[in-house]
Amino acid sequence: MKIKKKALRGASTSRTTGGPTRQKGSTAAKAKLLMPPEAGQTAEPLDEQIRMRAYFISERRRRFALPGDADSDWLEAKRQLLSESGPR
């Protein structure tokens, strides 16, 4: 009887914790979906990524009164993202 109680107790506690359950390989499956089909080649950064980076570049530029404009921020953001993604 004790063996059955332990098995039941272990099963019931994992269900009553309320937290999300993790399945094996779920992060690996997500990583596969996020990778571009041509994983060996570097892809162009998305416009949304460039937009966010350019925003932070412009905020820094304004805070320190550095010269530049929105176009230079965009080009700098794209250059940074391409350099972070690796060699072409």
Protein backbone atom coordinates (compact mmCIF):
# COMPACT_ATOMS: atom_id res chain seq x y z
CA MET A 1 0.00 0.00 0.00
CA LYS A 2 2.83 2.43 0.75
CA ILE A 3 4.19 2.11 -2.77
CA LYS A 4 0.84 3.03 -4.26
CA LYS A 5 0.50 6.05 -1.97
CA LYS A 6 3.93 7.36 -2.96
CA ALA A 7 3.14 6.97 -6.63
CA LEU A 8 -0.18 8.73 -6.20
CA ARG A 9 1.31 11.45 -4.02
CA GLY A 10 4.03 12.22 -6.58
CA ALA A 11 1.52 12.37 -9.41
CA SER A 12 -0.92 14.58 -7.55
CA THR A 13 1.70 17.09 -6.38
CA SER A 14 3.01 17.71 -9.86
CA ARG A 15 -0.49 18.55 -11.03
CA THR A 16 -1.41 20.76 -8.08
CA THR A 17 1.62 23.05 -8.23
CA GLY A 18 -0.21 25.36 -10.60
CA GLY A 19 2.92 26.12 -12.60
CA PRO A 20 3.31 25.43 -16.28
CA THR A 21 4.68 22.03 -17.12
CA ARG A 22 7.67 21.81 -19.40
CA GLN A 23 7.92 19.16 -22.01
CA LYS A 24 11.23 17.77 -23.14
CA GLY A 25 12.42 19.28 -26.37
CA SER A 26 9.96 22.16 -26.37
CA THR A 27 12.74 24.76 -26.40
CA ALA A 28 14.56 22.87 -29.11
CA ALA A 29 11.42 22.87 -31.23
CA LYS A 30 10.99 26.61 -30.69
CA ALA A 31 14.62 27.26 -31.61
CA LYS A 32 14.12 25.31 -34.83
CA LEU A 33 11.15 27.49 -35.73
CA LEU A 34 13.03 30.71 -35.03
CA MET A 35 16.05 29.81 -37.15
CA PRO A 36 15.95 30.82 -40.79
CA PRO A 37 15.80 28.02 -43.37
CA GLU A 38 19.31 28.80 -44.58
CA ALA A 39 20.93 28.59 -41.14
CA GLY A 40 24.44 28.62 -42.58
CA GLN A 41 23.90 32.02 -44.20
CA THR A 42 23.23 35.26 -42.41
CA ALA A 43 19.89 36.82 -43.16
CA GLU A 44 19.09 40.50 -43.35
CA PRO A 45 17.76 41.86 -40.06
CA LEU A 46 14.04 42.48 -39.98
CA ASP A 47 12.74 46.04 -40.27
CA GLU A 48 11.29 45.78 -36.76
CA GLN A 49 14.72 44.88 -35.36
CA ILE A 50 16.34 47.78 -37.21
CA ARG A 51 13.58 50.14 -36.08
CA MET A 52 14.07 49.25 -32.42
CA ARG A 53 17.85 49.58 -32.61
CA ALA A 54 17.59 52.89 -34.49
CA TYR A 55 15.26 54.20 -31.79
CA PHE A 56 17.80 53.52 -29.06
CA ILE A 57 20.59 54.99 -31.17
CA SER A 58 18.55 58.16 -31.67
CA GLU A 59 17.77 58.39 -27.96
CA ARG A 60 21.46 58.13 -27.13
CA ARG A 61 22.33 60.65 -29.85
CA ARG A 62 19.80 63.16 -28.49
CA ARG A 63 20.84 62.66 -24.87
CA PHE A 64 24.48 63.40 -25.64
CA ALA A 65 23.74 66.01 -28.33
CA LEU A 66 25.58 64.03 -31.00
CA PRO A 67 25.22 64.95 -34.67
CA GLY A 68 23.03 62.82 -36.90
CA ASP A 69 19.53 62.24 -38.18
CA ALA A 70 16.98 59.44 -38.55
CA ASP A 71 18.60 58.13 -41.73
CA SER A 72 22.02 57.83 -40.14
CA ASP A 73 20.43 56.13 -37.11
CA TRP A 74 18.75 53.59 -39.40
CA LEU A 75 21.97 52.85 -41.27
CA GLU A 76 23.96 52.53 -38.05
CA ALA A 77 21.34 50.18 -36.58
CA LYS A 78 21.42 47.99 -39.67
CA ARG A 79 25.24 47.96 -39.66
CA GLN A 80 25.30 46.93 -35.98
CA LEU A 81 22.77 44.15 -36.46
CA LEU A 82 24.62 42.78 -39.47
CA SER A 83 27.92 42.79 -37.60
CA GLU A 84 26.31 40.98 -34.63
CA SER A 85 24.86 38.29 -36.87
CA GLY A 86 28.30 37.22 -38.02
CA PRO A 87 30.40 37.31 -41.16
CA ARG A 88 28.71 37.07 -44.52
